[in-house]
C-alpha atoms as a PDB file:
ATOM      1  CA  UNK A   1     103.350 180.845 -57.932  1.00  0.00           C
ATOM      2  CA  UNK A   2     104.910 182.131 -54.917  1.00  0.00           C
ATOM      3  CA  UNK A   3     108.342 179.645 -54.662  1.00  0.00           C
ATOM      4  CA  UNK A   4     108.815 180.106 -51.371  1.00  0.00           C
ATOM      5  CA  UNK A   5     109.296 182.830 -48.536  1.00  0.00           C
ATOM      6  CA  UNK A   6     112.433 183.000 -47.246  1.00  0.00           C
ATOM      7  CA  UNK A   7     113.470 185.571 -43.673  1.00  0.00           C
ATOM      8  CA  UNK A   8     116.457 187.353 -44.466  1.00  0.00           C
ATOM      9  CA  UNK A   9     119.010 189.580 -42.622  1.00  0.00           C
ATOM     10  CA  UNK A  10     118.124 193.859 -43.635  1.00  0.00           C
ATOM     11  CA  UNK A  11     121.816 194.039 -45.508  1.00  0.00           C
ATOM     12  CA  UNK A  12     121.251 191.330 -46.496  1.00  0.00           C
ATOM     13  CA  UNK A  13     118.573 192.397 -47.736  1.00  0.00           C
ATOM     14  CA  UNK A  14     118.948 195.539 -49.001  1.00  0.00           C
ATOM     15  CA  UNK A  15     122.692 194.601 -51.623  1.00  0.00           C
ATOM     16  CA  UNK A  16     120.404 191.550 -53.197  1.00  0.00           C
ATOM     17  CA  UNK A  17     117.459 194.363 -54.252  1.00  0.00           C
ATOM     18  CA  UNK A  18     119.987 196.878 -56.041  1.00  0.00           C
ATOM     19  CA  UNK A  19     121.030 193.774 -57.103  1.00  0.00           C
ATOM     20  CA  UNK A  20     117.943 193.031 -58.517  1.00  0.00           C
ATOM     21  CA  UNK A  21     117.364 196.125 -59.155  1.00  0.00           C
ATOM     22  CA  UNK A  22     120.472 196.144 -61.651  1.00  0.00           C
ATOM     23  CA  UNK A  23     119.457 192.543 -63.753  1.00  0.00           C
ATOM     24  CA  UNK A  24     115.688 193.945 -64.548  1.00  0.00           C
ATOM     25  CA  UNK A  25     117.407 195.920 -67.423  1.00  0.00           C
ATOM     26  CA  UNK A  26     120.879 193.881 -68.064  1.00  0.00           C
ATOM     27  CA  UNK A  27     120.264 190.784 -68.884  1.00  0.00           C
ATOM     28  CA  UNK A  28     117.931 189.585 -70.892  1.00  0.00           C
ATOM     29  CA  UNK A  29     115.047 187.933 -69.331  1.00  0.00           C
ATOM     30  CA  UNK A  30     112.566 185.070 -71.773  1.00  0.00           C
ATOM     31  CA  UNK A  31     110.809 186.122 -74.453  1.00  0.00           C
ATOM     32  CA  UNK A  32     110.998 189.395 -73.545  1.00  0.00           C
ATOM     33  CA  UNK A  33     108.422 189.364 -70.458  1.00  0.00           C
ATOM     34  CA  UNK A  34     110.124 191.972 -67.091  1.00  0.00           C
ATOM     35  CA  UNK A  35     110.245 190.001 -64.600  1.00  0.00           C
ATOM     36  CA  UNK A  36     108.737 193.523 -62.076  1.00  0.00           C
ATOM     37  CA  UNK A  37     105.290 192.516 -63.532  1.00  0.00           C
ATOM     38  CA  UNK A  38     105.897 188.875 -61.533  1.00  0.00           C
ATOM     39  CA  UNK A  39     105.626 191.960 -58.149  1.00  0.00           C
ATOM     40  CA  UNK A  40     102.040 193.968 -59.103  1.00  0.00           C
ATOM     41  CA  UNK A  41      99.579 193.083 -57.080  1.00  0.00           C
ATOM     42  CA  UNK A  42      96.324 193.298 -59.326  1.00  0.00           C
ATOM     43  CA  UNK A  43      93.052 194.773 -56.814  1.00  0.00           C
ATOM     44  CA  UNK A  44      89.826 195.192 -58.655  1.00  0.00           C
ATOM     45  CA  UNK A  45      88.315 197.507 -57.651  1.00  0.00           C
ATOM     46  CA  UNK A  46      84.282 198.846 -57.402  1.00  0.00           C
ATOM     47  CA  UNK A  47      85.002 202.337 -59.137  1.00  0.00           C
ATOM     48  CA  UNK A  48      87.964 201.265 -61.936  1.00  0.00           C
ATOM     49  CA  UNK A  49      88.762 198.330 -64.090  1.00  0.00           C
ATOM     50  CA  UNK A  50      91.135 198.038 -61.539  1.00  0.00           C
ATOM     51  CA  UNK A  51      93.978 199.014 -59.086  1.00  0.00           C
ATOM     52  CA  UNK A  52      97.994 198.344 -58.828  1.00  0.00           C
ATOM     53  CA  UNK A  53     100.446 198.492 -56.560  1.00  0.00           C
ATOM     54  CA  UNK A  54     104.282 197.667 -56.779  1.00  0.00           C
ATOM     55  CA  UNK A  55     105.777 195.472 -54.849  1.00  0.00           C
ATOM     56  CA  UNK A  56     108.567 196.634 -53.343  1.00  0.00           C
ATOM     57  CA  UNK A  57     109.622 194.211 -50.063  1.00  0.00           C
ATOM     58  CA  UNK A  58     110.301 190.973 -52.562  1.00  0.00           C
ATOM     59  CA  UNK A  59     113.323 189.331 -53.616  1.00  0.00           C
ATOM     60  CA  UNK A  60     112.489 187.373 -57.174  1.00  0.00           C
ATOM     61  CA  UNK A  61     114.273 184.354 -56.740  1.00  0.00           C
ATOM     62  CA  UNK A  62     114.602 183.214 -59.957  1.00  0.00           C
ATOM     63  CA  UNK A  63     116.122 187.028 -61.291  1.00  0.00           C
ATOM     64  CA  UNK A  64     118.615 186.850 -58.489  1.00  0.00           C
ATOM     65  CA  UNK A  65     119.756 182.780 -59.348  1.00  0.00           C
ATOM     66  CA  UNK A  66     120.472 183.912 -62.952  1.00  0.00           C
ATOM     67  CA  UNK A  67     124.151 186.245 -61.483  1.00  0.00           C
ATOM     68  CA  UNK A  68     125.397 182.830 -60.554  1.00  0.00           C
ATOM     69  CA  UNK A  69     125.642 182.044 -64.505  1.00  0.00           C
ATOM     70  CA  UNK A  70     126.827 184.824 -65.724  1.00  0.00           C
ATOM     71  CA  UNK A  71     131.149 185.337 -66.368  1.00  0.00           C
ATOM     72  CA  UNK A  72     133.049 186.083 -63.326  1.00  0.00           C
ATOM     73  CA  UNK A  73     133.721 189.613 -65.583  1.00  0.00           C
ATOM     74  CA  UNK A  74     129.881 190.775 -66.114  1.00  0.00           C
ATOM     75  CA  UNK A  75     129.135 189.284 -62.201  1.00  0.00           C
ATOM     76  CA  UNK A  76     131.759 191.761 -61.099  1.00  0.00           C
ATOM     77  CA  UNK A  77     130.257 194.806 -62.979  1.00  0.00           C
ATOM     78  CA  UNK A  78     126.806 194.173 -62.098  1.00  0.00           C
ATOM     79  CA  UNK A  79     128.449 193.938 -58.510  1.00  0.00           C
ATOM     80  CA  UNK A  80     131.317 197.251 -58.335  1.00  0.00           C
ATOM     81  CA  UNK A  81     127.162 198.026 -59.189  1.00  0.00           C
ATOM     82  CA  UNK A  82     125.588 197.860 -56.655  1.00  0.00           C
ATOM     83  CA  UNK A  83     128.905 198.979 -54.023  1.00  0.00           C
ATOM     84  CA  UNK A  84     129.430 194.802 -53.181  1.00  0.00           C
ATOM     85  CA  UNK A  85     132.491 192.403 -54.426  1.00  0.00           C
ATOM     86  CA  UNK A  86     130.640 189.131 -56.105  1.00  0.00           C
ATOM     87  CA  UNK A  87     132.520 187.791 -53.803  1.00  0.00           C
ATOM     88  CA  UNK A  88     129.962 188.923 -51.347  1.00  0.00           C
ATOM     89  CA  UNK A  89     126.908 189.008 -53.600  1.00  0.00           C
ATOM     90  CA  UNK A  90     127.052 184.904 -54.405  1.00  0.00           C
ATOM     91  CA  UNK A  91     127.537 184.595 -50.063  1.00  0.00           C
ATOM     92  CA  UNK A  92     123.408 186.127 -50.468  1.00  0.00           C
ATOM     93  CA  UNK A  93     122.526 184.588 -52.503  1.00  0.00           C
ATOM     94  CA  UNK A  94     124.294 180.899 -50.431  1.00  0.00           C
END
């Protein structure tokens, strides 16, 4: 389901999308489920069973907000990995 559709500035999108890619592998997920699977578009096809199309222009707000729950050291490490600061990332989430 969709919680909200919110337009974001291109620079903010790039920062948050980079963080999202890192968070998918950096933190454990509920029941071991990969959040990327929620952003796949499944299209039934007459000639094939189904076609799966990855959606690359969608931010997962629930996953990104988990950044705010991490300890300060982990936040700094992840922010540095995307070439940003903790303050910039938290500002983009606000």
